Amino acid sequence: MSHEWQAATKNYEIEKNIWLSKREEVFDHPLKPSTITVQESKIKRRFGGSNTSSASSSISGTPKKNISDPLSTFHPLSSALDGTDPLSQFAAGLDPLSQMAEEHERAKELSAARKCRLDDTFEPWSTKKVAILSKFTTSEKLSIATSFLSGGEKVIGKTTTSVSDKVKTRLEQLDDFEEGSVKEMLNLTQQEYVHRIEELNQALRESWEQDQRVKALKIGIQSAKLLVDTAVIQFYPSKFVLITDILDNFGNLVYQRIHSKAEHHKPGSKNPTPLPECFTPDQVPESAKETCRNWFFKIASIRELIPRFYMETAILKSYSFLTQGEYAKALIRLTKMIRGIGDPLVAAYARCYLCRVGMSVAPEAHEHLRENFWDFLMMYNQLQSNFVKETLIKQNLDLPTYLTLYP
């Protein structure tokens, strides 16, 4: 005996209407605590000529009392949810992914803003340098070596592709000003010397505005090389202030140049927007990062120690376009670089410049400050060296006066 299965015909709409439960629209959430409103009024009733007052419930009446449901008072869900269930909270808020992205973005902005701010107790450099310029003066003749007034500049038109060719090109550009173009100006008074330094600073700005980046870099290198000279040692602190103003100007120009080229796209936006004042490296486009690396590569090609140290320290703020966690390592590396400077006075002011720049770009980093402090103390033995003794004899200075020159 064989059986054959046959599919029964079904009308799902009819079955849906049969089994569909009745629905009613409600206006109160079932988990919310319920309250009972009682209105009290006094109703006068007349029984055989006497008035009797009694309290009863009525539609009209002014006094109202809200009485909470005694069961809802001890309801565990009611006390835990504070009147709002998780589904309502979830519907009213953002979805978890959007909320996490928003919190992450806000945390990065707060962290960047915190790092951009200096402590209010930090003494401004503008106040300090005015005191230095007024204290350390000289009546002796000064000299300055520069090539920024010389006309004509070697143009390198060849294209470079390999890494070795790029390094060679950078070295040729940096050595260009040493090929007989440097002129030394002698017998300058202090006022004339300050005027020449101001001309150097102005030439740096003009070269930058005319898109002559290599020339501006050369001016910065020549300015840093002036800090090697201690011929008039009493004036060295003031010379340090004047020269570092040029270096600070160069560092700010490089930073603003990269910042103006860096535009980022906010999440959910198609239009590029300029970088905020306090930003994170992941907001910087790759083209701006490449420009930043190129500046550090050029400065790393400088052969002499002191110009290379000062130029890299001047543009140290531009590290923020590449990474956030490398400031401490870079400051330690530059601190160790100062140990190669033989003159203790020149080394002391190099440490002063590094610590000042370090506090402005990475106020949360402190390891380099301790290293510089201990190096400064270890330098005390050099004060008894033949080099310092010969310098004091040549400059006609005694040791107490020489010690007042230190920062």
Protein backbone atom coordinates (compact mmCIF):
# COMPACT_ATOMS: atom_id res chain seq x y z
CA MET A 1 0.00 0.00 0.00
CA SER A 2 1.62 3.25 -1.12
CA HIS A 3 1.06 6.74 0.19
CA GLU A 4 1.42 9.96 -1.72
CA TRP A 5 2.01 13.25 0.07
CA GLN A 6 0.18 16.28 -1.18
CA ALA A 7 0.76 19.84 0.04
CA ALA A 8 -2.32 21.42 1.52
CA THR A 9 -3.27 24.83 0.22
CA LYS A 10 -3.00 27.55 2.82
CA ASN A 11 -4.15 31.13 2.96
CA TYR A 12 -1.70 32.79 5.28
CA GLU A 13 -3.57 36.08 5.44
CA ILE A 14 -6.66 34.34 6.82
CA GLU A 15 -4.63 32.40 9.37
CA LYS A 16 -2.82 35.59 10.37
CA ASN A 17 -6.08 37.35 11.08
CA ILE A 18 -7.36 34.34 13.04
CA TRP A 19 -4.36 34.06 15.31
CA LEU A 20 -3.64 37.77 15.51
CA SER A 21 -3.89 38.97 19.09
CA LYS A 22 -5.80 42.06 19.99
CA ARG A 23 -3.68 45.17 20.40
CA GLU A 24 -4.33 48.31 22.32
CA GLU A 25 -2.41 51.55 22.19
CA VAL A 26 -0.93 52.49 25.56
CA PHE A 27 0.49 55.80 26.67
CA ASP A 28 2.31 54.77 29.86
CA HIS A 29 5.33 52.50 30.02
CA PRO A 30 4.59 49.35 32.06
CA LEU A 31 7.88 49.63 34.00
CA LYS A 32 7.35 53.24 35.01
CA PRO A 33 6.18 53.84 38.58
CA SER A 34 2.46 54.44 38.62
CA THR A 35 0.85 57.21 40.62
CA ILE A 36 -2.70 57.69 41.80
CA THR A 37 -4.14 61.18 41.87
CA VAL A 38 -6.71 61.77 44.58
CA GLN A 39 -8.80 64.90 44.65
CA GLU A 40 -10.47 65.85 47.87
CA SER A 41 -13.47 68.09 48.25
CA LYS A 42 -16.08 68.67 50.84
CA ILE A 43 -19.69 67.93 49.92
CA LYS A 44 -22.53 69.22 51.96
CA ARG A 45 -25.48 66.91 52.38
CA ARG A 46 -28.78 67.94 53.96
CA PHE A 47 -30.57 65.44 56.16
CA GLY A 48 -33.75 66.79 57.68
CA GLY A 49 -32.56 70.37 57.96
CA SER A 50 -29.04 69.66 59.31
CA ASN A 51 -25.86 70.06 57.31
CA THR A 52 -23.35 67.22 57.39
CA SER A 53 -19.88 67.57 55.90
CA SER A 54 -17.98 64.57 54.67
CA ALA A 55 -14.93 63.95 52.55
CA SER A 56 -15.40 62.05 49.35
CA SER A 57 -13.94 61.82 45.90
CA SER A 58 -15.33 64.17 43.30
CA ILE A 59 -14.52 65.44 39.86
CA SER A 60 -14.24 69.06 41.00
CA GLY A 61 -11.90 70.21 43.73
CA THR A 62 -8.67 72.11 44.09
CA PRO A 63 -6.41 70.20 46.50
CA LYS A 64 -4.56 67.32 44.83
CA LYS A 65 -2.28 64.66 46.18
CA ASN A 66 0.02 62.36 44.22
CA ILE A 67 0.29 59.01 45.92
CA SER A 68 2.91 56.63 44.61
CA ASP A 69 2.04 53.06 44.04
CA PRO A 70 3.36 51.17 47.10
CA LEU A 71 4.34 48.19 44.95
CA SER A 72 6.36 50.29 42.52
CA THR A 73 8.33 51.81 45.40
CA PHE A 74 9.95 48.48 46.17
CA HIS A 75 10.11 47.28 42.57
CA PRO A 76 13.77 46.39 41.81
CA LEU A 77 13.57 47.37 38.15
CA SER A 78 11.98 50.71 38.98
CA SER A 79 14.73 51.74 41.39
CA ALA A 80 17.53 50.51 39.14
CA LEU A 81 16.28 52.08 35.94
CA ASP A 82 15.14 55.36 37.48
CA GLY A 83 11.97 55.28 35.42
CA THR A 84 13.63 54.54 32.08
CA ASP A 85 14.16 51.07 30.70
CA PRO A 86 17.26 50.11 28.67
CA LEU A 87 15.37 49.92 25.39
CA SER A 88 14.17 53.50 25.74
CA GLN A 89 17.66 54.65 26.66
CA PHE A 90 19.13 52.84 23.67
CA ALA A 91 16.55 54.33 21.30
CA ALA A 92 17.14 57.84 22.59
CA GLY A 93 20.93 57.65 22.41
CA LEU A 94 23.51 57.02 19.70
CA ASP A 95 24.36 53.59 18.45
CA PRO A 96 27.39 52.04 20.20
CA LEU A 97 29.81 52.41 17.27
CA SER A 98 29.02 56.09 16.72
CA GLN A 99 29.26 56.76 20.43
CA MET A 100 32.63 55.00 20.68
CA ALA A 101 33.96 56.93 17.69
CA GLU A 102 32.76 60.22 19.15
CA GLU A 103 34.30 59.48 22.56
CA HIS A 104 37.59 58.44 20.94
CA GLU A 105 37.70 61.63 18.86
CA ARG A 106 36.91 63.76 21.90
CA ALA A 107 39.62 62.03 23.95
CA LYS A 108 42.22 62.67 21.24
CA GLU A 109 41.26 66.34 21.02
CA LEU A 110 41.50 66.75 24.80
CA SER A 111 44.86 64.99 24.89
CA ALA A 112 46.22 67.14 22.06
CA ALA A 113 44.88 70.32 23.65
CA ARG A 114 46.45 69.38 26.98
CA LYS A 115 49.81 68.90 25.33
CA CYS A 116 49.52 72.21 23.50
CA ARG A 117 49.21 74.16 26.73
CA LEU A 118 52.09 75.24 28.91
CA ASP A 119 51.87 75.50 32.64
CA ASP A 120 50.98 79.00 33.83
CA THR A 121 53.97 78.94 36.19
CA PHE A 122 56.44 78.67 33.27
CA GLU A 123 58.35 81.94 32.89
CA PRO A 124 57.90 83.47 29.40
CA TRP A 125 61.06 83.62 27.32
CA SER A 126 60.22 87.17 26.19
CA THR A 127 60.63 88.37 29.77
CA LYS A 128 63.88 86.49 30.28
CA LYS A 129 65.59 87.61 27.09
CA VAL A 130 64.99 91.31 27.76
CA ALA A 131 66.86 90.94 31.04
CA ILE A 132 69.74 89.15 29.29
CA LEU A 133 70.08 91.81 26.57
CA SER A 134 70.16 94.61 29.13
CA LYS A 135 72.70 92.85 31.38
CA PHE A 136 75.32 91.50 28.98
CA THR A 137 76.72 94.34 26.89
CA THR A 138 80.17 95.14 25.54
CA SER A 139 82.21 98.02 24.19
CA GLU A 140 84.60 95.78 22.24
CA LYS A 141 84.51 95.35 18.50
CA LEU A 142 82.52 92.45 17.10
CA SER A 143 82.60 90.52 13.83
CA ILE A 144 80.07 88.62 11.79
CA ALA A 145 80.49 86.23 8.85
CA THR A 146 77.62 86.03 6.39
CA SER A 147 76.85 85.56 2.71
CA PHE A 148 73.20 86.57 2.60
CA LEU A 149 73.99 89.90 0.87
CA SER A 150 75.93 88.26 -1.97
CA GLY A 151 74.06 88.13 -5.26
CA GLY A 152 73.49 85.09 -7.38
CA GLU A 153 72.77 81.61 -6.24
CA LYS A 154 73.73 78.29 -7.74
CA VAL A 155 70.73 76.60 -9.30
CA ILE A 156 70.70 72.83 -9.36
CA GLY A 157 68.37 71.76 -12.13
CA LYS A 158 69.03 68.03 -12.26
CA THR A 159 66.39 65.66 -11.01
CA THR A 160 67.26 63.09 -8.38
CA THR A 161 65.61 59.76 -7.90
CA SER A 162 67.77 57.54 -5.72
CA VAL A 163 68.36 58.12 -2.03
CA SER A 164 72.11 58.65 -2.50
CA ASP A 165 71.49 61.29 -5.18
CA LYS A 166 69.05 63.12 -2.90
CA VAL A 167 71.58 63.18 -0.07
CA LYS A 168 74.29 64.39 -2.43
CA THR A 169 72.03 67.16 -3.72
CA ARG A 170 71.22 68.33 -0.20
CA LEU A 171 74.92 68.45 0.69
CA GLU A 172 75.67 70.49 -2.44
CA GLN A 173 72.91 72.94 -1.56
CA LEU A 174 74.11 73.33 2.02
CA ASP A 175 77.78 73.71 1.03
CA ASP A 176 77.01 76.29 -1.67
CA PHE A 177 77.45 79.26 0.65
CA GLU A 178 80.93 78.08 1.69
CA GLU A 179 82.43 78.35 -1.79
CA GLY A 180 84.04 81.77 -1.37
CA SER A 181 80.76 83.67 -0.91
CA VAL A 182 81.00 84.23 2.86
CA LYS A 183 82.06 87.75 3.81
CA GLU A 184 83.32 88.67 7.24
CA MET A 185 82.38 92.06 8.64
CA LEU A 186 84.90 93.27 11.20
CA ASN A 187 85.10 96.05 13.79
CA LEU A 188 81.38 96.29 14.43
CA THR A 189 80.03 98.05 17.47
CA GLN A 190 77.36 96.37 19.54
CA GLN A 191 74.65 98.50 17.92
CA GLU A 192 75.93 97.71 14.43
CA TYR A 193 76.12 94.02 15.28
CA VAL A 194 72.51 93.99 16.48
CA HIS A 195 71.49 95.80 13.29
CA ARG A 196 73.24 93.17 11.15
CA ILE A 197 71.49 90.38 13.03
CA GLU A 198 68.14 92.09 12.40
CA GLU A 199 69.06 92.25 8.69
CA LEU A 200 69.72 88.51 8.78
CA ASN A 201 66.30 87.92 10.30
CA GLN A 202 64.64 90.15 7.70
CA ALA A 203 66.52 88.40 4.88
CA LEU A 204 65.26 85.08 6.20
CA ARG A 205 61.65 86.25 6.06
CA GLU A 206 62.05 87.78 2.59
CA SER A 207 63.66 84.62 1.22
CA TRP A 208 60.83 82.55 2.63
CA GLU A 209 58.16 84.80 1.16
CA GLN A 210 59.88 84.54 -2.24
CA ASP A 211 59.81 80.72 -2.01
CA GLN A 212 63.60 80.54 -1.71
CA ARG A 213 63.59 77.79 0.89
CA VAL A 214 67.21 76.75 0.38
CA LYS A 215 68.43 80.31 0.87
CA ALA A 216 66.36 80.61 4.05
CA LEU A 217 67.91 77.36 5.27
CA LYS A 218 71.41 78.70 4.56
CA ILE A 219 70.69 81.86 6.53
CA GLY A 220 69.57 79.74 9.45
CA ILE A 221 72.73 77.62 9.25
CA GLN A 222 74.99 80.67 9.08
CA SER A 223 73.18 82.19 12.05
CA ALA A 224 73.67 79.02 14.08
CA LYS A 225 77.38 78.95 13.19
CA LEU A 226 77.78 82.36 14.83
CA LEU A 227 77.16 80.67 18.19
CA VAL A 228 80.47 78.83 17.83
CA ASP A 229 82.41 82.10 18.10
CA THR A 230 83.29 83.22 21.64
CA ALA A 231 85.80 85.93 20.66
CA VAL A 232 83.96 88.51 22.81
CA ILE A 233 82.83 86.21 25.57
CA GLN A 234 81.11 88.89 27.68
CA PHE A 235 78.63 89.46 24.85
CA TYR A 236 77.91 85.77 24.23
CA PRO A 237 74.65 85.61 26.26
CA SER A 238 73.18 88.53 24.29
CA LYS A 239 74.43 86.99 21.03
CA PHE A 240 72.66 83.77 22.01
CA VAL A 241 69.37 85.66 22.45
CA LEU A 242 69.69 87.45 19.09
CA ILE A 243 70.63 84.33 17.14
CA THR A 244 67.98 82.10 18.69
CA ASP A 245 65.35 84.67 17.67
CA ILE A 246 66.35 83.94 14.06
CA LEU A 247 66.21 80.20 14.69
CA ASP A 248 62.79 80.48 16.34
CA ASN A 249 61.59 82.47 13.34
CA PHE A 250 62.86 79.78 10.97
CA GLY A 251 61.21 77.01 12.99
CA ASN A 252 57.88 78.85 13.00
CA LEU A 253 58.05 79.41 9.23
CA VAL A 254 58.65 75.70 8.62
CA TYR A 255 55.84 74.73 10.97
CA GLN A 256 53.33 77.16 9.45
CA ARG A 257 54.30 76.04 5.95
CA ILE A 258 53.57 72.38 6.72
CA HIS A 259 50.44 73.28 8.69
CA SER A 260 49.03 75.26 5.76
CA LYS A 261 49.59 72.32 3.39
CA ALA A 262 47.92 69.83 5.72
CA GLU A 263 44.17 69.49 5.25
CA HIS A 264 42.19 66.59 6.67
CA HIS A 265 38.71 65.14 6.24
CA LYS A 266 36.54 64.92 9.32
CA PRO A 267 34.56 61.68 9.82
CA GLY A 268 31.48 61.79 7.62
CA SER A 269 32.63 64.89 5.70
CA LYS A 270 33.81 64.98 2.09
CA ASN A 271 35.19 68.53 2.16
CA PRO A 272 38.76 68.99 3.46
CA THR A 273 39.22 71.31 6.42
CA PRO A 274 42.41 72.95 7.77
CA LEU A 275 44.11 71.31 10.71
CA PRO A 276 43.08 72.66 14.11
CA GLU A 277 45.66 74.28 16.35
CA CYS A 278 45.96 71.09 18.39
CA PHE A 279 45.83 68.01 16.15
CA THR A 280 46.94 64.39 16.02
CA PRO A 281 49.30 62.83 13.43
CA ASP A 282 46.55 60.64 11.95
CA GLN A 283 44.81 63.83 10.78
CA VAL A 284 47.86 64.90 8.74
CA PRO A 285 47.86 63.83 5.05
CA GLU A 286 50.82 61.91 3.69
CA SER A 287 51.94 64.79 1.44
CA ALA A 288 52.42 67.08 4.45
CA LYS A 289 54.28 64.33 6.31
CA GLU A 290 56.63 63.90 3.35
CA THR A 291 57.36 67.64 3.35
CA CYS A 292 58.10 67.46 7.06
CA ARG A 293 60.46 64.50 6.63
CA ASN A 294 62.27 66.34 3.84
CA TRP A 295 63.07 69.24 6.19
CA PHE A 296 64.49 66.89 8.80
CA PHE A 297 66.52 65.06 6.13
CA LYS A 298 68.01 68.35 4.91
CA ILE A 299 69.03 69.39 8.41
CA ALA A 300 70.43 65.92 9.15
CA SER A 301 72.78 66.48 6.19
CA ILE A 302 74.54 69.40 7.92
CA ARG A 303 78.08 68.28 8.70
CA GLU A 304 78.96 70.56 11.62
CA LEU A 305 77.62 69.63 15.03
CA ILE A 306 76.48 72.98 16.45
CA PRO A 307 74.53 74.20 13.37
CA ARG A 308 72.92 70.77 12.98
CA PHE A 309 71.90 70.74 16.65
CA TYR A 310 70.42 74.23 16.63
CA MET A 311 68.60 73.82 13.31
CA GLU A 312 67.00 70.52 14.31
CA THR A 313 65.99 71.93 17.69
CA ALA A 314 64.48 74.96 15.95
CA ILE A 315 62.11 72.82 13.87
CA LEU A 316 61.45 70.29 16.63
CA LYS A 317 57.82 71.42 16.87
CA SER A 318 57.22 69.97 13.39
CA TYR A 319 57.62 66.48 14.90
CA SER A 320 53.93 66.76 15.79
CA PHE A 321 53.04 66.18 12.12
CA LEU A 322 54.76 62.78 12.18
CA THR A 323 54.25 61.28 15.61
CA GLN A 324 53.25 62.09 19.15
CA GLY A 325 55.33 59.65 21.15
CA GLU A 326 58.81 60.46 19.83
CA TYR A 327 59.37 63.84 21.49
CA ALA A 328 60.99 62.33 24.59
CA LYS A 329 63.38 60.19 22.51
CA ALA A 330 64.28 63.11 20.24
CA LEU A 331 65.00 65.36 23.22
CA ILE A 332 67.24 62.72 24.81
CA ARG A 333 69.09 62.25 21.51
CA LEU A 334 69.68 66.00 21.19
CA THR A 335 70.81 66.10 24.82
CA LYS A 336 73.46 63.50 24.09
CA MET A 337 74.47 65.45 20.99
CA ILE A 338 75.42 68.43 23.19
CA ARG A 339 78.04 66.26 24.92
CA GLY A 340 80.14 66.59 21.78
CA ILE A 341 80.51 70.37 22.21
CA GLY A 342 83.93 71.11 23.73
CA ASP A 343 83.41 74.67 24.97
CA PRO A 344 81.53 74.45 28.31
CA LEU A 345 79.90 77.88 27.87
CA VAL A 346 78.64 77.07 24.37
CA ALA A 347 77.38 73.70 25.60
CA ALA A 348 75.56 75.34 28.53
CA TYR A 349 73.64 77.68 26.24
CA ALA A 350 72.86 74.83 23.86
CA ARG A 351 71.27 73.02 26.82
CA CYS A 352 69.37 76.18 27.67
CA TYR A 353 67.92 76.37 24.15
CA LEU A 354 67.01 72.68 24.10
CA CYS A 355 65.23 72.84 27.46
CA ARG A 356 63.29 75.94 26.43
CA VAL A 357 62.13 74.41 23.15
CA GLY A 358 61.41 71.11 24.87
CA MET A 359 59.10 72.78 27.38
CA SER A 360 57.15 74.45 24.57
CA VAL A 361 56.70 71.37 22.36
CA ALA A 362 56.49 68.60 25.00
CA PRO A 363 55.74 70.00 28.47
CA GLU A 364 54.94 66.50 29.70
CA ALA A 365 58.49 65.22 28.97
CA HIS A 366 60.96 65.61 31.86
CA GLU A 367 63.69 63.01 31.33
CA HIS A 368 65.77 65.32 29.12
CA LEU A 369 65.64 68.02 31.82
CA ARG A 370 67.22 65.68 34.35
CA GLU A 371 69.84 64.57 31.83
CA ASN A 372 70.77 68.17 31.01
CA PHE A 373 70.95 69.09 34.68
CA TRP A 374 73.33 66.23 35.48
CA ASP A 375 75.43 67.00 32.39
CA PHE A 376 75.65 70.61 33.53
CA LEU A 377 76.93 69.50 36.94
CA MET A 378 79.43 67.08 35.37
CA MET A 379 80.75 69.98 33.28
CA TYR A 380 82.15 71.62 36.43
CA ASN A 381 85.44 69.75 36.05
CA GLN A 382 85.98 71.46 32.69
CA LEU A 383 86.22 74.84 34.40
CA GLN A 384 89.70 73.86 35.58
CA SER A 385 90.83 72.73 32.13
CA ASN A 386 93.60 74.40 30.15
CA PHE A 387 91.07 75.47 27.51
CA VAL A 388 89.11 77.58 29.99
CA LYS A 389 92.27 78.99 31.58
CA GLU A 390 93.61 80.09 28.19
CA THR A 391 90.25 81.63 27.34
CA LEU A 392 90.19 83.64 30.57
CA ILE A 393 93.73 84.89 29.99
CA LYS A 394 92.93 85.85 26.40
CA GLN A 395 89.69 87.59 27.38
CA ASN A 396 91.28 89.20 30.46
CA LEU A 397 88.62 87.75 32.77
CA ASP A 398 88.68 86.23 36.21
CA LEU A 399 86.81 83.03 37.06
CA PRO A 400 83.98 84.65 39.12
CA THR A 401 83.15 87.01 36.25
CA TYR A 402 83.30 84.11 33.80
CA LEU A 403 80.85 82.10 35.90
CA THR A 404 78.28 84.93 35.74
CA LEU A 405 78.04 84.34 31.98
CA TYR A 406 76.45 80.93 32.47
CA PRO A 407 72.65 80.68 32.19
